Amino acid sequence: MSGPTRIAVIGCGFFSRNHLNSWKDLRSDGAELVAVCDMDAAKAKAVAEEFGIPRWYDSAEAMFAAGKLDLVDIVTQVRSHKTLVEMAIGAGLATIVQKPFGKDLAECRDMVALAEREGAFLAVHENFRFQRPNLMVMDVIGSGAIGTPSWGRISFRTGHDIYAGQPYLLTEERFAITDVGVHVVDLARVFFGEAEHITAELQNRNPKARGEDTATMMLRHRSGAVSVVEVSYGARGLPDAFPATILEIEGDRGAIRMGADYQIHVTSDGKLTHLDGDAPLLPWAERPWHVTQESVLNTCRHILERFRAGQSADVSGADNLRTYALCDAAYNAAASRRAEKPTA
């Protein structure tokens, strides 16, 4: 594209401010935030005024009918994703949808199939792989410094009160894996490659939550590597690691370790080096969210660059379908008490 990419954001809730600020920061990269939509008209109007967005709507149908858009960023609860994706693709727009991709695996398959039939650009806003420390870990792996990864542990465990900002999470039947497990399972795919099968144990440690708030998963990857993926919203240890992901990866030449402070310790051929993986504090960001917030900017930048270049995003709908299929297989494995193969 030679001109700016005209972008609309649907959803003015808890997390969307990170998207709005990111698109605003990407103006020099060709992003032009031209519309915002929320079912709550007052929210949409307030956001439009705050961010200098020329158009606001309380109806997605009305926004799509008005036209003059190139890309829509859907930052809503999962129940609305499929309908909005279908509307956006039907309007001929490139589409980004917040994770989790869909309400179930069938919905995700349907959205990917629709995008493929229509030749539409579809991406999922999977941002953990774009967190600065995780990008640095990928660079270390890619350099060969630890050799071929053969084992790892990826842990996201916190007691942070996430329900204060997202009370609806207490009512989800599928909870921890669907909400944050998709992120850490996606990292397992990035670090170790596709998985052959997965086993899982789920726990409900919070009596107020309908679904599991803790999941322990083990993946056997096609490369032969084994990874342990842990997610919990019921951790009690202090200091709380929120919102950091703690990593340990071993290869035949060395290992990578990263703690909640984002300091990356690399052992290679018996020598230890240290890397600072902490992200800068953006003007609109705040600690301890700053690494996540910068990753939203990084994810939006990557998706925008790929769309403007006429290429698929690394976090395309088709790619995220494989992550979602692994999460679905984890639920099946927990229910059946046996290993399950993911079927995207």
C-alpha atoms as a PDB file:
ATOM      1  CA  MET A   1       0.000   0.000   0.000  1.00  0.00           C
ATOM      2  CA  SER A   2       1.254   3.479  -0.827  1.00  0.00           C
ATOM      3  CA  GLY A   3      -1.224   5.481   1.255  1.00  0.00           C
ATOM      4  CA  PRO A   4      -2.083   5.105   4.930  1.00  0.00           C
ATOM      5  CA  THR A   5      -3.930   2.026   6.180  1.00  0.00           C
ATOM      6  CA  ARG A   6      -7.312   3.156   7.520  1.00  0.00           C
ATOM      7  CA  ILE A   7      -7.947   1.267  10.754  1.00  0.00           C
ATOM      8  CA  ALA A   8     -11.030   0.787  12.920  1.00  0.00           C
ATOM      9  CA  VAL A   9     -11.059  -0.685  16.426  1.00  0.00           C
ATOM     10  CA  ILE A  10     -14.110  -2.540  17.712  1.00  0.00           C
ATOM     11  CA  GLY A  11     -14.292  -2.695  21.504  1.00  0.00           C
ATOM     12  CA  CYS A  12     -13.473  -0.029  24.091  1.00  0.00           C
ATOM     13  CA  GLY A  13     -13.040  -2.304  27.087  1.00  0.00           C
ATOM     14  CA  PHE A  14     -10.274  -3.255  29.507  1.00  0.00           C
ATOM     15  CA  PHE A  15      -7.501  -4.149  27.039  1.00  0.00           C
ATOM     16  CA  SER A  16      -8.391  -2.071  23.991  1.00  0.00           C
ATOM     17  CA  ARG A  17      -6.566   1.037  25.208  1.00  0.00           C
ATOM     18  CA  ASN A  18      -3.310  -0.779  24.526  1.00  0.00           C
ATOM     19  CA  HIS A  19      -4.408  -1.328  20.927  1.00  0.00           C
ATOM     20  CA  LEU A  20      -5.593   2.272  20.528  1.00  0.00           C
ATOM     21  CA  ASN A  21      -2.314   3.664  21.859  1.00  0.00           C
ATOM     22  CA  SER A  22      -0.336   1.271  19.654  1.00  0.00           C
ATOM     23  CA  TRP A  23      -2.140   2.277  16.468  1.00  0.00           C
ATOM     24  CA  LYS A  24      -1.660   5.924  17.392  1.00  0.00           C
ATOM     25  CA  ASP A  25       2.094   5.300  17.826  1.00  0.00           C
ATOM     26  CA  LEU A  26       2.243   3.586  14.421  1.00  0.00           C
ATOM     27  CA  ARG A  27       1.161   6.609  12.388  1.00  0.00           C
ATOM     28  CA  SER A  28       4.652   6.987  10.959  1.00  0.00           C
ATOM     29  CA  ASP A  29       4.429   3.325   9.867  1.00  0.00           C
ATOM     30  CA  GLY A  30       1.290   4.016   7.831  1.00  0.00           C
ATOM     31  CA  ALA A  31      -1.470   3.475  10.401  1.00  0.00           C
ATOM     32  CA  GLU A  32      -4.411   5.874  10.413  1.00  0.00           C
ATOM     33  CA  LEU A  33      -6.951   5.299  13.172  1.00  0.00           C
ATOM     34  CA  VAL A  34     -10.197   6.508  11.593  1.00  0.00           C
ATOM     35  CA  ALA A  35     -13.054   4.826  13.501  1.00  0.00           C
ATOM     36  CA  VAL A  36     -13.935   3.196  16.797  1.00  0.00           C
ATOM     37  CA  CYS A  37     -16.979   1.123  17.734  1.00  0.00           C
ATOM     38  CA  ASP A  38     -18.517  -0.098  20.977  1.00  0.00           C
ATOM     39  CA  MET A  39     -22.037  -1.195  21.910  1.00  0.00           C
ATOM     40  CA  ASP A  40     -21.855   1.445  24.644  1.00  0.00           C
ATOM     41  CA  ALA A  41     -22.207   4.681  22.689  1.00  0.00           C
ATOM     42  CA  ALA A  42     -20.842   6.779  25.540  1.00  0.00           C
ATOM     43  CA  LYS A  43     -17.656   4.701  25.631  1.00  0.00           C
ATOM     44  CA  ALA A  44     -17.174   4.925  21.875  1.00  0.00           C
ATOM     45  CA  LYS A  45     -17.701   8.692  21.867  1.00  0.00           C
ATOM     46  CA  ALA A  46     -15.340   9.230  24.815  1.00  0.00           C
ATOM     47  CA  VAL A  47     -12.587   7.136  23.222  1.00  0.00           C
ATOM     48  CA  ALA A  48     -12.989   8.926  19.880  1.00  0.00           C
ATOM     49  CA  GLU A  49     -12.609  12.286  21.598  1.00  0.00           C
ATOM     50  CA  GLU A  50      -9.633  11.194  23.698  1.00  0.00           C
ATOM     51  CA  PHE A  51      -7.691   9.683  20.794  1.00  0.00           C
ATOM     52  CA  GLY A  52      -8.758  12.167  18.124  1.00  0.00           C
ATOM     53  CA  ILE A  53     -10.584   9.530  16.094  1.00  0.00           C
ATOM     54  CA  PRO A  54     -12.918  11.172  13.559  1.00  0.00           C
ATOM     55  CA  ARG A  55     -15.741   8.587  13.583  1.00  0.00           C
ATOM     56  CA  TRP A  56     -17.393   6.573  16.330  1.00  0.00           C
ATOM     57  CA  TYR A  57     -20.213   4.028  16.224  1.00  0.00           C
ATOM     58  CA  ASP A  58     -22.287   1.896  18.565  1.00  0.00           C
ATOM     59  CA  SER A  59     -23.056  -0.550  15.752  1.00  0.00           C
ATOM     60  CA  ALA A  60     -20.547  -2.590  13.775  1.00  0.00           C
ATOM     61  CA  GLU A  61     -23.099  -2.883  10.961  1.00  0.00           C
ATOM     62  CA  ALA A  62     -23.279   0.894  10.684  1.00  0.00           C
ATOM     63  CA  MET A  63     -19.516   1.251  10.733  1.00  0.00           C
ATOM     64  CA  PHE A  64     -18.993  -1.321   7.990  1.00  0.00           C
ATOM     65  CA  ALA A  65     -21.782   0.215   5.919  1.00  0.00           C
ATOM     66  CA  ALA A  66     -20.077   3.614   6.105  1.00  0.00           C
ATOM     67  CA  GLY A  67     -16.997   2.132   4.445  1.00  0.00           C
ATOM     68  CA  LYS A  68     -13.681   3.942   4.022  1.00  0.00           C
ATOM     69  CA  LEU A  69     -11.759   1.298   5.996  1.00  0.00           C
ATOM     70  CA  ASP A  70      -8.887  -1.047   5.176  1.00  0.00           C
ATOM     71  CA  LEU A  71      -8.355  -3.001   8.391  1.00  0.00           C
ATOM     72  CA  VAL A  72     -10.442  -3.713  11.474  1.00  0.00           C
ATOM     73  CA  ASP A  73      -9.015  -4.659  14.867  1.00  0.00           C
ATOM     74  CA  ILE A  74     -11.557  -6.650  16.927  1.00  0.00           C
ATOM     75  CA  VAL A  75     -10.854  -6.265  20.660  1.00  0.00           C
ATOM     76  CA  THR A  76     -14.024  -7.757  22.125  1.00  0.00           C
ATOM     77  CA  GLN A  77     -15.037 -10.755  24.207  1.00  0.00           C
ATOM     78  CA  VAL A  78     -14.728 -14.092  22.457  1.00  0.00           C
ATOM     79  CA  ARG A  79     -18.474 -14.674  22.004  1.00  0.00           C
ATOM     80  CA  SER A  80     -18.615 -11.923  19.390  1.00  0.00           C
ATOM     81  CA  HIS A  81     -15.490 -12.851  17.428  1.00  0.00           C
ATOM     82  CA  LYS A  82     -16.927 -15.123  14.754  1.00  0.00           C
ATOM     83  CA  THR A  83     -19.821 -12.804  13.895  1.00  0.00           C
ATOM     84  CA  LEU A  84     -17.573  -9.751  13.676  1.00  0.00           C
ATOM     85  CA  VAL A  85     -14.904 -11.581  11.665  1.00  0.00           C
ATOM     86  CA  GLU A  86     -17.538 -12.738   9.183  1.00  0.00           C
ATOM     87  CA  MET A  87     -18.888  -9.195   8.897  1.00  0.00           C
ATOM     88  CA  ALA A  88     -15.432  -7.694   8.413  1.00  0.00           C
ATOM     89  CA  ILE A  89     -14.360 -10.208   5.777  1.00  0.00           C
ATOM     90  CA  GLY A  90     -17.743  -9.790   4.099  1.00  0.00           C
ATOM     91  CA  ALA A  91     -17.013  -6.062   3.903  1.00  0.00           C
ATOM     92  CA  GLY A  92     -13.713  -6.825   2.180  1.00  0.00           C
ATOM     93  CA  LEU A  93     -11.543  -5.783   5.117  1.00  0.00           C
ATOM     94  CA  ALA A  94      -8.333  -7.137   6.520  1.00  0.00           C
ATOM     95  CA  THR A  95      -9.115  -8.411   9.996  1.00  0.00           C
ATOM     96  CA  ILE A  96      -7.346  -8.798  13.325  1.00  0.00           C
ATOM     97  CA  VAL A  97      -9.092 -10.599  16.167  1.00  0.00           C
ATOM     98  CA  GLN A  98      -8.092 -10.665  19.826  1.00  0.00           C
ATOM     99  CA  LYS A  99      -7.260 -13.988  21.436  1.00  0.00           C
ATOM    100  CA  PRO A 100      -8.784 -16.412  22.196  1.00  0.00           C
ATOM    101  CA  PHE A 101      -9.483 -16.781  18.486  1.00  0.00           C
ATOM    102  CA  GLY A 102     -12.960 -18.294  18.859  1.00  0.00           C
ATOM    103  CA  LYS A 103     -15.440 -19.779  21.283  1.00  0.00           C
ATOM    104  CA  ASP A 104     -14.471 -23.307  20.227  1.00  0.00           C
ATOM    105  CA  LEU A 105     -12.319 -25.126  17.695  1.00  0.00           C
ATOM    106  CA  ALA A 106     -15.141 -25.351  15.160  1.00  0.00           C
ATOM    107  CA  GLU A 107     -15.524 -21.563  15.129  1.00  0.00           C
ATOM    108  CA  CYS A 108     -11.795 -21.114  14.564  1.00  0.00           C
ATOM    109  CA  ARG A 109     -11.823 -23.581  11.677  1.00  0.00           C
ATOM    110  CA  ASP A 110     -14.796 -21.773  10.136  1.00  0.00           C
ATOM    111  CA  MET A 111     -13.081 -18.385  10.307  1.00  0.00           C
ATOM    112  CA  VAL A 112      -9.870 -19.709   8.772  1.00  0.00           C
ATOM    113  CA  ALA A 113     -11.810 -21.469   6.010  1.00  0.00           C
ATOM    114  CA  LEU A 114     -13.758 -18.275   5.263  1.00  0.00           C
ATOM    115  CA  ALA A 115     -10.573 -16.222   5.035  1.00  0.00           C
ATOM    116  CA  GLU A 116      -9.020 -18.788   2.706  1.00  0.00           C
ATOM    117  CA  ARG A 117     -12.092 -18.900   0.447  1.00  0.00           C
ATOM    118  CA  GLU A 118     -12.233 -15.122   0.208  1.00  0.00           C
ATOM    119  CA  GLY A 119      -8.480 -14.616  -0.013  1.00  0.00           C
ATOM    120  CA  ALA A 120      -8.773 -12.359   3.039  1.00  0.00           C
ATOM    121  CA  PHE A 121      -6.057 -11.230   5.436  1.00  0.00           C
ATOM    122  CA  LEU A 122      -6.821 -12.644   8.896  1.00  0.00           C
ATOM    123  CA  ALA A 123      -4.560 -12.386  11.940  1.00  0.00           C
ATOM    124  CA  VAL A 124      -4.938 -13.192  15.623  1.00  0.00           C
ATOM    125  CA  HIS A 125      -3.460 -10.715  18.101  1.00  0.00           C
ATOM    126  CA  GLU A 126      -1.194 -13.259  19.809  1.00  0.00           C
ATOM    127  CA  ASN A 127       1.231 -10.965  21.606  1.00  0.00           C
ATOM    128  CA  PHE A 128       3.315 -13.155  23.964  1.00  0.00           C
ATOM    129  CA  ARG A 129       5.678 -14.163  21.168  1.00  0.00           C
ATOM    130  CA  PHE A 130       6.222 -10.424  20.556  1.00  0.00           C
ATOM    131  CA  GLN A 131       7.204  -9.620  24.141  1.00  0.00           C
ATOM    132  CA  ARG A 132      10.731  -8.269  24.107  1.00  0.00           C
ATOM    133  CA  PRO A 133      12.228 -10.949  26.413  1.00  0.00           C
ATOM    134  CA  ASN A 134      10.614 -13.743  24.393  1.00  0.00           C
ATOM    135  CA  LEU A 135      11.891 -12.242  21.128  1.00  0.00           C
ATOM    136  CA  MET A 136      15.375 -12.225  22.665  1.00  0.00           C
ATOM    137  CA  VAL A 137      15.013 -15.857  23.742  1.00  0.00           C
ATOM    138  CA  MET A 138      14.019 -16.746  20.159  1.00  0.00           C
ATOM    139  CA  ASP A 139      17.139 -14.955  18.911  1.00  0.00           C
ATOM    140  CA  VAL A 140      19.334 -16.942  21.314  1.00  0.00           C
ATOM    141  CA  ILE A 141      17.757 -20.214  20.164  1.00  0.00           C
ATOM    142  CA  GLY A 142      18.135 -19.173  16.518  1.00  0.00           C
ATOM    143  CA  SER A 143      21.811 -18.374  17.038  1.00  0.00           C
ATOM    144  CA  GLY A 144      22.512 -21.972  18.018  1.00  0.00           C
ATOM    145  CA  ALA A 145      24.056 -20.897  21.331  1.00  0.00           C
ATOM    146  CA  ILE A 146      22.302 -23.650  23.305  1.00  0.00           C
ATOM    147  CA  GLY A 147      22.174 -26.134  20.458  1.00  0.00           C
ATOM    148  CA  THR A 148      18.918 -27.921  19.674  1.00  0.00           C
ATOM    149  CA  PRO A 149      16.276 -27.324  22.375  1.00  0.00           C
ATOM    150  CA  SER A 150      15.272 -30.630  23.934  1.00  0.00           C
ATOM    151  CA  TRP A 151      13.410 -29.706  27.138  1.00  0.00           C
ATOM    152  CA  GLY A 152      11.723 -26.678  28.597  1.00  0.00           C
ATOM    153  CA  ARG A 153       9.358 -25.251  31.164  1.00  0.00           C
ATOM    154  CA  ILE A 154       7.141 -22.244  30.453  1.00  0.00           C
ATOM    155  CA  SER A 155       5.357 -20.954  33.518  1.00  0.00           C
ATOM    156  CA  PHE A 156       2.734 -18.241  33.978  1.00  0.00           C
ATOM    157  CA  ARG A 157       1.611 -18.413  37.601  1.00  0.00           C
ATOM    158  CA  THR A 158       0.072 -15.535  39.524  1.00  0.00           C
ATOM    159  CA  GLY A 159      -2.332 -14.644  42.286  1.00  0.00           C
ATOM    160  CA  HIS A 160      -3.026 -11.219  40.776  1.00  0.00           C
ATOM    161  CA  ASP A 161      -6.695 -10.245  40.912  1.00  0.00           C
ATOM    162  CA  ILE A 162      -7.472 -10.392  37.215  1.00  0.00           C
ATOM    163  CA  TYR A 163     -11.185 -10.623  38.021  1.00  0.00           C
ATOM    164  CA  ALA A 164     -11.320  -6.969  39.083  1.00  0.00           C
ATOM    165  CA  GLY A 165     -10.902  -5.799  35.489  1.00  0.00           C
ATOM    166  CA  GLN A 166     -12.479  -8.834  33.813  1.00  0.00           C
ATOM    167  CA  PRO A 167     -15.198 -10.207  36.125  1.00  0.00           C
ATOM    168  CA  TYR A 168     -16.749 -12.238  33.298  1.00  0.00           C
ATOM    169  CA  LEU A 169     -13.784 -14.635  33.524  1.00  0.00           C
ATOM    170  CA  LEU A 170     -15.338 -16.151  36.642  1.00  0.00           C
ATOM    171  CA  THR A 171     -18.218 -17.472  34.519  1.00  0.00           C
ATOM    172  CA  GLU A 172     -16.144 -19.114  31.773  1.00  0.00           C
ATOM    173  CA  GLU A 173     -16.450 -22.907  31.640  1.00  0.00           C
ATOM    174  CA  ARG A 174     -13.068 -23.107  29.938  1.00  0.00           C
ATOM    175  CA  PHE A 175     -10.964 -20.556  31.750  1.00  0.00           C
ATOM    176  CA  ALA A 176      -7.215 -20.603  32.424  1.00  0.00           C
ATOM    177  CA  ILE A 177      -6.089 -22.403  29.275  1.00  0.00           C
ATOM    178  CA  THR A 178      -8.414 -20.387  27.048  1.00  0.00           C
ATOM    179  CA  ASP A 179      -7.492 -17.065  28.656  1.00  0.00           C
ATOM    180  CA  VAL A 180      -3.731 -17.272  29.208  1.00  0.00           C
ATOM    181  CA  GLY A 181      -2.845 -20.860  28.268  1.00  0.00           C
ATOM    182  CA  VAL A 182      -3.145 -19.987  24.589  1.00  0.00           C
ATOM    183  CA  HIS A 183      -0.236 -17.586  25.087  1.00  0.00           C
ATOM    184  CA  VAL A 184       2.132 -20.029  26.764  1.00  0.00           C
ATOM    185  CA  VAL A 185       1.166 -22.930  24.491  1.00  0.00           C
ATOM    186  CA  ASP A 186       1.913 -20.644  21.546  1.00  0.00           C
ATOM    187  CA  LEU A 187       5.352 -19.968  23.041  1.00  0.00           C
ATOM    188  CA  ALA A 188       5.951 -23.707  23.295  1.00  0.00           C
ATOM    189  CA  ARG A 189       5.257 -23.996  19.562  1.00  0.00           C
ATOM    190  CA  VAL A 190       7.608 -21.078  18.824  1.00  0.00           C
ATOM    191  CA  PHE A 191      10.471 -22.399  20.979  1.00  0.00           C
ATOM    192  CA  PHE A 192      10.187 -26.137  20.259  1.00  0.00           C
ATOM    193  CA  GLY A 193       8.117 -26.552  17.088  1.00  0.00           C
ATOM    194  CA  GLU A 194       4.806 -28.306  16.525  1.00  0.00           C
ATOM    195  CA  ALA A 195       3.595 -30.848  19.063  1.00  0.00           C
ATOM    196  CA  GLU A 196       2.703 -34.487  18.435  1.00  0.00           C
ATOM    197  CA  HIS A 197       0.569 -34.839  21.531  1.00  0.00           C
ATOM    198  CA  ILE A 198      -0.315 -33.181  24.827  1.00  0.00           C
ATOM    199  CA  THR A 199      -1.349 -34.313  28.311  1.00  0.00           C
ATOM    200  CA  ALA A 200      -2.969 -32.084  30.913  1.00  0.00           C
ATOM    201  CA  GLU A 201      -4.181 -31.877  34.480  1.00  0.00           C
ATOM    202  CA  LEU A 202      -6.698 -29.159  35.389  1.00  0.00           C
ATOM    203  CA  GLN A 203      -7.516 -27.778  38.824  1.00  0.00           C
ATOM    204  CA  ASN A 204     -10.208 -25.456  40.112  1.00  0.00           C
ATOM    205  CA  ARG A 205      -8.630 -23.873  43.181  1.00  0.00           C
ATOM    206  CA  ASN A 206     -10.928 -20.838  43.270  1.00  0.00           C
ATOM    207  CA  PRO A 207     -14.465 -21.835  44.306  1.00  0.00           C
ATOM    208  CA  LYS A 208     -15.844 -18.661  42.714  1.00  0.00           C
ATOM    209  CA  ALA A 209     -14.567 -19.623  39.261  1.00  0.00           C
ATOM    210  CA  ARG A 210     -16.682 -21.922  37.092  1.00  0.00           C
ATOM    211  CA  GLY A 211     -13.771 -23.186  35.013  1.00  0.00           C
ATOM    212  CA  GLU A 212     -10.236 -24.304  35.791  1.00  0.00           C
ATOM    213  CA  ASP A 213      -7.945 -21.620  37.212  1.00  0.00           C
ATOM    214  CA  THR A 214      -4.831 -23.820  37.051  1.00  0.00           C
ATOM    215  CA  ALA A 215      -3.529 -26.111  34.301  1.00  0.00           C
ATOM    216  CA  THR A 216      -0.371 -28.190  34.038  1.00  0.00           C
ATOM    217  CA  MET A 217       0.354 -29.459  30.540  1.00  0.00           C
ATOM    218  CA  MET A 218       3.126 -31.556  28.994  1.00  0.00           C
ATOM    219  CA  LEU A 219       3.835 -31.517  25.266  1.00  0.00           C
ATOM    220  CA  ARG A 220       5.852 -33.934  23.166  1.00  0.00           C
ATOM    221  CA  HIS A 221       7.117 -32.047  20.128  1.00  0.00           C
ATOM    222  CA  ARG A 222       7.848 -33.475  16.688  1.00  0.00           C
ATOM    223  CA  SER A 223      11.507 -32.562  17.216  1.00  0.00           C
ATOM    224  CA  GLY A 224      11.612 -34.931  20.186  1.00  0.00           C
ATOM    225  CA  ALA A 225      11.660 -32.060  22.678  1.00  0.00           C
ATOM    226  CA  VAL A 226       9.415 -32.142  25.752  1.00  0.00           C
ATOM    227  CA  SER A 227       7.940 -29.002  27.278  1.00  0.00           C
ATOM    228  CA  VAL A 228       6.024 -28.436  30.501  1.00  0.00           C
ATOM    229  CA  VAL A 229       3.542 -25.570  30.267  1.00  0.00           C
ATOM    230  CA  GLU A 230       2.010 -24.206  33.452  1.00  0.00           C
ATOM    231  CA  VAL A 231      -0.702 -21.585  33.925  1.00  0.00           C
ATOM    232  CA  SER A 232      -2.398 -20.537  37.142  1.00  0.00           C
ATOM    233  CA  TYR A 233      -4.427 -17.678  38.531  1.00  0.00           C
ATOM    234  CA  GLY A 234      -4.290 -19.295  41.965  1.00  0.00           C
ATOM    235  CA  ALA A 235      -0.610 -18.926  42.889  1.00  0.00           C
ATOM    236  CA  ARG A 236       0.122 -17.733  46.419  1.00  0.00           C
ATOM    237  CA  GLY A 237       3.877 -17.180  46.441  1.00  0.00           C
ATOM    238  CA  LEU A 238       5.439 -13.772  47.012  1.00  0.00           C
ATOM    239  CA  PRO A 239       6.742 -11.789  45.324  1.00  0.00           C
ATOM    240  CA  ASP A 240       4.079 -12.428  42.708  1.00  0.00           C
ATOM    241  CA  ALA A 241       5.515 -12.885  39.210  1.00  0.00           C
ATOM    242  CA  PHE A 242       2.594 -11.143  37.438  1.00  0.00           C
ATOM    243  CA  PRO A 243       2.578 -10.602  34.516  1.00  0.00           C
ATOM    244  CA  ALA A 244       5.890 -12.251  33.683  1.00  0.00           C
ATOM    245  CA  THR A 245       6.388 -15.608  32.011  1.00  0.00           C
ATOM    246  CA  ILE A 246       9.195 -17.629  33.579  1.00  0.00           C
ATOM    247  CA  LEU A 247      11.255 -19.795  31.246  1.00  0.00           C
ATOM    248  CA  GLU A 248      13.778 -22.585  31.374  1.00  0.00           C
ATOM    249  CA  ILE A 249      15.003 -24.126  28.129  1.00  0.00           C
ATOM    250  CA  GLU A 250      17.722 -26.749  27.734  1.00  0.00           C
ATOM    251  CA  GLY A 251      19.625 -27.804  24.626  1.00  0.00           C
ATOM    252  CA  ASP A 252      22.609 -30.003  23.844  1.00  0.00           C
ATOM    253  CA  ARG A 253      25.045 -27.081  24.142  1.00  0.00           C
ATOM    254  CA  GLY A 254      23.542 -25.081  26.980  1.00  0.00           C
ATOM    255  CA  ALA A 255      20.454 -23.561  28.533  1.00  0.00           C
ATOM    256  CA  ILE A 256      18.355 -20.423  28.882  1.00  0.00           C
ATOM    257  CA  ARG A 257      16.763 -19.287  32.117  1.00  0.00           C
ATOM    258  CA  MET A 258      14.563 -16.229  32.623  1.00  0.00           C
ATOM    259  CA  GLY A 259      12.862 -15.116  35.810  1.00  0.00           C
ATOM    260  CA  ALA A 260      10.171 -12.618  36.687  1.00  0.00           C
ATOM    261  CA  ASP A 261      12.738  -9.789  36.428  1.00  0.00           C
ATOM    262  CA  TYR A 262      13.147 -10.484  32.674  1.00  0.00           C
ATOM    263  CA  GLN A 263      16.870 -11.117  33.120  1.00  0.00           C
ATOM    264  CA  ILE A 264      17.943 -13.798  30.655  1.00  0.00           C
ATOM    265  CA  HIS A 265      20.785 -16.102  31.669  1.00  0.00           C
ATOM    266  CA  VAL A 266      22.358 -18.037  28.795  1.00  0.00           C
ATOM    267  CA  THR A 267      24.752 -20.947  29.299  1.00  0.00           C
ATOM    268  CA  SER A 268      26.589 -21.907  26.118  1.00  0.00           C
ATOM    269  CA  ASP A 269      29.430 -24.439  26.026  1.00  0.00           C
ATOM    270  CA  GLY A 270      30.058 -23.938  29.723  1.00  0.00           C
ATOM    271  CA  LYS A 271      30.106 -20.125  29.598  1.00  0.00           C
ATOM    272  CA  LEU A 272      27.418 -17.974  31.241  1.00  0.00           C
ATOM    273  CA  THR A 273      26.232 -14.643  29.829  1.00  0.00           C
ATOM    274  CA  HIS A 274      23.426 -12.314  30.905  1.00  0.00           C
ATOM    275  CA  LEU A 275      20.946 -10.319  28.827  1.00  0.00           C
ATOM    276  CA  ASP A 276      18.507  -7.670  30.005  1.00  0.00           C
ATOM    277  CA  GLY A 277      15.113  -8.548  28.526  1.00  0.00           C
ATOM    278  CA  ASP A 278      13.106  -5.807  30.236  1.00  0.00           C
ATOM    279  CA  ALA A 279      11.091  -3.552  27.931  1.00  0.00           C
ATOM    280  CA  PRO A 280      11.226   0.243  27.908  1.00  0.00           C
ATOM    281  CA  LEU A 281       8.384   2.076  29.622  1.00  0.00           C
ATOM    282  CA  LEU A 282       6.323   3.601  26.813  1.00  0.00           C
ATOM    283  CA  PRO A 283       4.745   7.029  27.551  1.00  0.00           C
ATOM    284  CA  TRP A 284       1.283   5.445  27.817  1.00  0.00           C
ATOM    285  CA  ALA A 285       2.393   2.292  29.657  1.00  0.00           C
ATOM    286  CA  GLU A 286       2.693   1.477  33.341  1.00  0.00           C
ATOM    287  CA  ARG A 287       4.453  -1.118  35.436  1.00  0.00           C
ATOM    288  CA  PRO A 288       4.042  -4.047  35.813  1.00  0.00           C
ATOM    289  CA  TRP A 289       2.095  -4.146  32.526  1.00  0.00           C
ATOM    290  CA  HIS A 290       4.817  -2.472  30.459  1.00  0.00           C
ATOM    291  CA  VAL A 291       6.263  -5.613  28.845  1.00  0.00           C
ATOM    292  CA  THR A 292       2.793  -6.743  27.780  1.00  0.00           C
ATOM    293  CA  GLN A 293       1.905  -3.255  26.589  1.00  0.00           C
ATOM    294  CA  GLU A 294       5.036  -2.969  24.461  1.00  0.00           C
ATOM    295  CA  SER A 295       4.239  -6.394  23.006  1.00  0.00           C
ATOM    296  CA  VAL A 296       0.869  -5.069  21.814  1.00  0.00           C
ATOM    297  CA  LEU A 297       2.722  -2.345  19.931  1.00  0.00           C
ATOM    298  CA  ASN A 298       5.169  -4.911  18.519  1.00  0.00           C
ATOM    299  CA  THR A 299       2.317  -7.204  17.440  1.00  0.00           C
ATOM    300  CA  CYS A 300       0.385  -4.392  15.763  1.00  0.00           C
ATOM    301  CA  ARG A 301       3.545  -3.252  13.979  1.00  0.00           C
ATOM    302  CA  HIS A 302       4.271  -6.757  12.672  1.00  0.00           C
ATOM    303  CA  ILE A 303       0.702  -7.285  11.459  1.00  0.00           C
ATOM    304  CA  LEU A 304       0.593  -3.842   9.821  1.00  0.00           C
ATOM    305  CA  GLU A 305       3.912  -4.402   8.043  1.00  0.00           C
ATOM    306  CA  ARG A 306       2.812  -7.777   6.704  1.00  0.00           C
ATOM    307  CA  PHE A 307      -0.578  -6.472   5.558  1.00  0.00           C
ATOM    308  CA  ARG A 308       0.949  -3.495   3.770  1.00  0.00           C
ATOM    309  CA  ALA A 309       3.472  -5.831   2.111  1.00  0.00           C
ATOM    310  CA  GLY A 310       0.702  -8.179   0.941  1.00  0.00           C
ATOM    311  CA  GLN A 311       1.992 -11.034   3.098  1.00  0.00           C
ATOM    312  CA  SER A 312       0.468 -13.230   5.810  1.00  0.00           C
ATOM    313  CA  ALA A 313       1.305 -12.427   9.424  1.00  0.00           C
ATOM    314  CA  ASP A 314       3.302 -14.881  11.507  1.00  0.00           C
ATOM    315  CA  VAL A 315       0.223 -14.866  13.746  1.00  0.00           C
ATOM    316  CA  SER A 316      -2.213 -15.555  10.924  1.00  0.00           C
ATOM    317  CA  GLY A 317      -5.537 -17.205  11.592  1.00  0.00           C
ATOM    318  CA  ALA A 318      -4.174 -20.424  10.105  1.00  0.00           C
ATOM    319  CA  ASP A 319      -1.163 -20.354  12.427  1.00  0.00           C
ATOM    320  CA  ASN A 320      -3.207 -19.574  15.534  1.00  0.00           C
ATOM    321  CA  LEU A 321      -5.568 -22.413  14.671  1.00  0.00           C
ATOM    322  CA  ARG A 322      -2.704 -24.792  15.499  1.00  0.00           C
ATOM    323  CA  THR A 323      -2.253 -23.145  18.904  1.00  0.00           C
ATOM    324  CA  TYR A 324      -5.994 -23.303  19.565  1.00  0.00           C
ATOM    325  CA  ALA A 325      -6.090 -26.959  18.524  1.00  0.00           C
ATOM    326  CA  LEU A 326      -3.407 -27.736  21.111  1.00  0.00           C
ATOM    327  CA  CYS A 327      -5.423 -25.994  23.816  1.00  0.00           C
ATOM    328  CA  ASP A 328      -8.528 -27.903  22.777  1.00  0.00           C
ATOM    329  CA  ALA A 329      -6.538 -31.136  22.891  1.00  0.00           C
ATOM    330  CA  ALA A 330      -5.392 -30.224  26.421  1.00  0.00           C
ATOM    331  CA  TYR A 331      -9.006 -30.071  27.593  1.00  0.00           C
ATOM    332  CA  ASN A 332      -9.710 -33.389  25.898  1.00  0.00           C
ATOM    333  CA  ALA A 333      -6.596 -34.930  27.457  1.00  0.00           C
ATOM    334  CA  ALA A 334      -7.632 -33.781  30.928  1.00  0.00           C
ATOM    335  CA  ALA A 335     -11.075 -35.324  30.432  1.00  0.00           C
ATOM    336  CA  SER A 336      -9.825 -38.607  28.958  1.00  0.00           C
ATOM    337  CA  ARG A 337      -6.751 -38.941  31.197  1.00  0.00           C
ATOM    338  CA  ARG A 338      -4.601 -39.757  28.200  1.00  0.00           C
ATOM    339  CA  ALA A 339      -2.449 -37.949  25.659  1.00  0.00           C
ATOM    340  CA  GLU A 340      -4.299 -36.277  22.796  1.00  0.00           C
ATOM    341  CA  LYS A 341      -3.165 -35.282  19.322  1.00  0.00           C
ATOM    342  CA  PRO A 342      -4.021 -31.747  18.215  1.00  0.00           C
ATOM    343  CA  THR A 343      -6.174 -31.629  15.084  1.00  0.00           C
ATOM    344  CA  ALA A 344      -6.236 -28.184  13.536  1.00  0.00           C
END
